[in-house]
Protein backbone atom coordinates (compact mmCIF):
# COMPACT_ATOMS: atom_id res chain seq x y z
CA MET A 1 46.35 19.40 -45.70
CA THR A 2 49.76 18.69 -47.11
CA ASP A 3 53.05 18.67 -45.19
CA THR A 4 56.44 18.88 -46.85
CA ALA A 5 58.60 18.25 -43.78
CA ALA A 6 59.79 15.05 -42.24
CA THR A 7 57.97 16.05 -39.05
CA HIS A 8 54.35 16.26 -39.99
CA ARG A 9 52.76 19.14 -38.12
CA SER A 10 49.05 19.64 -38.31
CA LEU A 11 46.98 22.79 -38.13
CA ALA A 12 46.30 21.89 -34.47
CA ASP A 13 50.07 21.73 -33.81
CA LEU A 14 50.51 25.20 -35.29
CA ALA A 15 47.58 26.53 -33.27
CA GLU A 16 49.20 25.26 -30.08
CA LYS A 17 52.45 27.08 -30.93
CA MET A 18 50.55 30.27 -31.80
CA ARG A 19 48.71 30.35 -28.48
CA ASP A 20 51.66 32.02 -26.75
CA ILE A 21 52.43 34.54 -29.51
CA ASP A 22 50.56 37.82 -29.13
CA PHE A 23 52.03 39.91 -31.96
CA CYS A 24 52.69 39.23 -35.60
CA THR A 25 53.59 41.31 -38.63
CA LEU A 26 50.78 41.81 -41.14
CA SER A 27 52.19 42.54 -44.61
CA THR A 28 50.19 44.09 -47.43
CA ARG A 29 51.01 45.40 -50.90
CA THR A 30 50.77 49.18 -51.19
CA SER A 31 49.32 51.10 -54.12
CA GLY A 32 52.89 51.71 -55.33
CA GLY A 33 53.67 47.98 -55.27
CA ALA A 34 55.88 48.01 -52.18
CA ILE A 35 55.35 45.57 -49.35
CA ALA A 36 54.35 47.22 -46.07
CA GLY A 37 54.45 45.44 -42.73
CA ARG A 38 53.04 46.52 -39.41
CA PRO A 39 52.72 44.84 -36.01
CA MET A 40 49.28 43.54 -35.13
CA SER A 41 48.00 41.83 -32.01
CA ASN A 42 45.81 38.76 -32.23
CA ASN A 43 44.71 39.54 -28.65
CA ARG A 44 45.22 35.87 -27.81
CA ASP A 45 42.26 35.04 -30.09
CA VAL A 46 44.10 31.95 -31.31
CA ALA A 47 41.78 29.00 -31.28
CA TYR A 48 43.40 28.81 -34.69
CA ASP A 49 41.42 27.18 -37.46
CA GLY A 50 43.07 28.94 -40.38
CA ASP A 51 41.57 32.37 -39.64
CA SER A 52 43.34 35.23 -37.85
CA TRP A 53 41.48 38.26 -36.51
CA PHE A 54 42.75 41.83 -36.03
CA PHE A 55 41.15 45.18 -35.31
CA SER A 56 42.16 48.42 -37.01
CA TYR A 57 40.82 51.87 -37.76
CA GLU A 58 39.09 52.54 -41.08
CA GLN A 59 41.53 55.34 -42.00
CA ALA A 60 44.65 53.17 -41.53
CA ARG A 61 46.80 52.52 -44.57
CA THR A 62 46.37 48.82 -43.84
CA ILE A 63 42.69 49.04 -44.73
CA SER A 64 43.20 50.84 -48.04
CA ASP A 65 45.97 48.37 -48.95
CA ILE A 66 43.64 45.41 -48.29
CA GLU A 67 40.82 47.02 -50.26
CA ALA A 68 43.17 47.29 -53.26
CA ASP A 69 44.75 43.82 -52.85
CA PRO A 70 43.42 41.37 -50.24
CA ASN A 71 46.41 39.01 -50.52
CA VAL A 72 48.40 39.38 -47.30
CA GLY A 73 51.13 37.73 -45.27
CA LEU A 74 51.47 37.14 -41.53
CA SER A 75 54.78 36.48 -39.76
CA TYR A 76 54.98 35.08 -36.22
CA GLN A 77 58.01 34.41 -34.02
CA GLY A 78 57.74 32.31 -30.92
CA LYS A 79 59.93 32.23 -27.85
CA SER A 80 63.43 30.82 -27.93
CA GLY A 81 66.30 30.79 -25.49
CA LEU A 82 69.62 29.42 -24.41
CA LEU A 83 68.15 26.62 -22.32
CA GLY A 84 67.42 24.33 -25.22
CA MET A 85 64.26 26.10 -26.31
CA ARG A 86 64.22 26.04 -30.10
CA PRO A 87 62.99 29.12 -31.95
CA PHE A 88 59.68 28.93 -33.77
CA PHE A 89 58.86 30.91 -36.90
CA LEU A 90 55.60 30.80 -38.81
CA THR A 91 54.63 32.62 -41.99
CA ILE A 92 51.11 32.54 -43.34
CA GLU A 93 49.86 33.48 -46.76
CA GLY A 94 46.20 34.36 -46.92
CA ARG A 95 43.39 36.53 -48.10
CA ALA A 96 42.03 39.36 -45.96
CA THR A 97 38.38 40.32 -45.59
CA LEU A 98 37.27 43.57 -44.00
CA ILE A 99 34.33 43.23 -41.64
CA ARG A 100 32.25 46.13 -40.39
CA ASP A 101 29.63 44.14 -38.46
CA LYS A 102 29.25 44.89 -34.74
CA ALA A 103 28.16 41.31 -33.99
CA GLN A 104 31.46 40.07 -35.43
CA PHE A 105 33.32 42.73 -33.42
CA GLU A 106 31.72 41.38 -30.24
CA ALA A 107 32.58 37.79 -31.15
CA HIS A 108 36.31 38.65 -31.33
CA TRP A 109 36.53 41.39 -28.71
CA THR A 110 38.78 41.08 -25.67
CA LYS A 111 39.10 43.49 -22.78
CA ASP A 112 42.70 44.34 -23.80
CA LEU A 113 41.36 46.05 -26.93
CA ASP A 114 39.84 48.83 -24.81
CA ARG A 115 43.33 50.34 -24.66
CA TYR A 116 43.28 51.02 -28.41
CA PHE A 117 39.54 51.39 -28.94
CA PRO A 118 38.23 53.27 -25.89
CA GLN A 119 34.53 53.02 -26.80
CA GLY A 120 34.74 49.26 -27.32
CA VAL A 121 32.79 47.85 -30.26
CA ASP A 122 31.06 51.24 -30.53
CA THR A 123 34.32 53.05 -31.31
CA PRO A 124 33.74 55.02 -34.52
CA GLY A 125 35.69 53.79 -37.54
CA ILE A 126 36.84 50.37 -36.35
CA VAL A 127 37.20 47.51 -38.78
CA LEU A 128 37.79 43.82 -38.13
CA ILE A 129 40.32 42.17 -40.42
CA GLN A 130 39.89 38.45 -41.02
CA VAL A 131 42.84 36.70 -42.65
CA HIS A 132 41.92 33.31 -44.06
CA ALA A 133 45.10 31.28 -44.54
CA SER A 134 45.85 29.36 -47.69
CA ARG A 135 49.34 28.19 -46.73
CA ALA A 136 51.51 28.17 -43.61
CA HIS A 137 55.26 27.60 -43.50
CA TYR A 138 56.98 26.85 -40.18
CA TRP A 139 60.52 26.41 -38.95
CA ASP A 140 61.52 25.47 -35.41
CA GLY A 141 65.29 25.50 -35.57
CA GLU A 142 65.58 21.93 -36.83
CA ASP A 143 62.43 21.00 -38.65
CA GLU A 144 60.48 22.94 -41.21
CA GLY A 145 57.43 22.28 -43.26
CA GLU A 146 54.42 23.62 -44.98
CA VAL A 147 50.73 23.14 -44.33
CA THR A 148 48.29 23.92 -47.12
CA LEU A 149 44.83 24.79 -45.89
């Protein structure tokens, strides 16, 4: 890994910050070349090792965008406040893989997903999106840096 900031954050440091962030924006490139972003929940599956995991439905535009171009971006924003809590922003560049394997679904399933996928891992048309990071850029209000994975 390579850091470009004076404060050298590791992948483990970023994982700790991500633990409290449930939603991010997943950005893909559309067939027309535009960039499309949509909110995605990591369902607190953030024992972060460079891979992020999201569930979607097969017919979602997200899936067709990834099939055409697997290069994606993720944007996270952590908590900040007036009581000295610095903001935390993290952007990740990576490559998405679409997984249609029920064993993988089960490995990343959390009870909260039942709200969106009422038949659990047996819900017709679900797809697991794995985003493998190649680079992460962070900013915490004072320090910023980049981690190459």
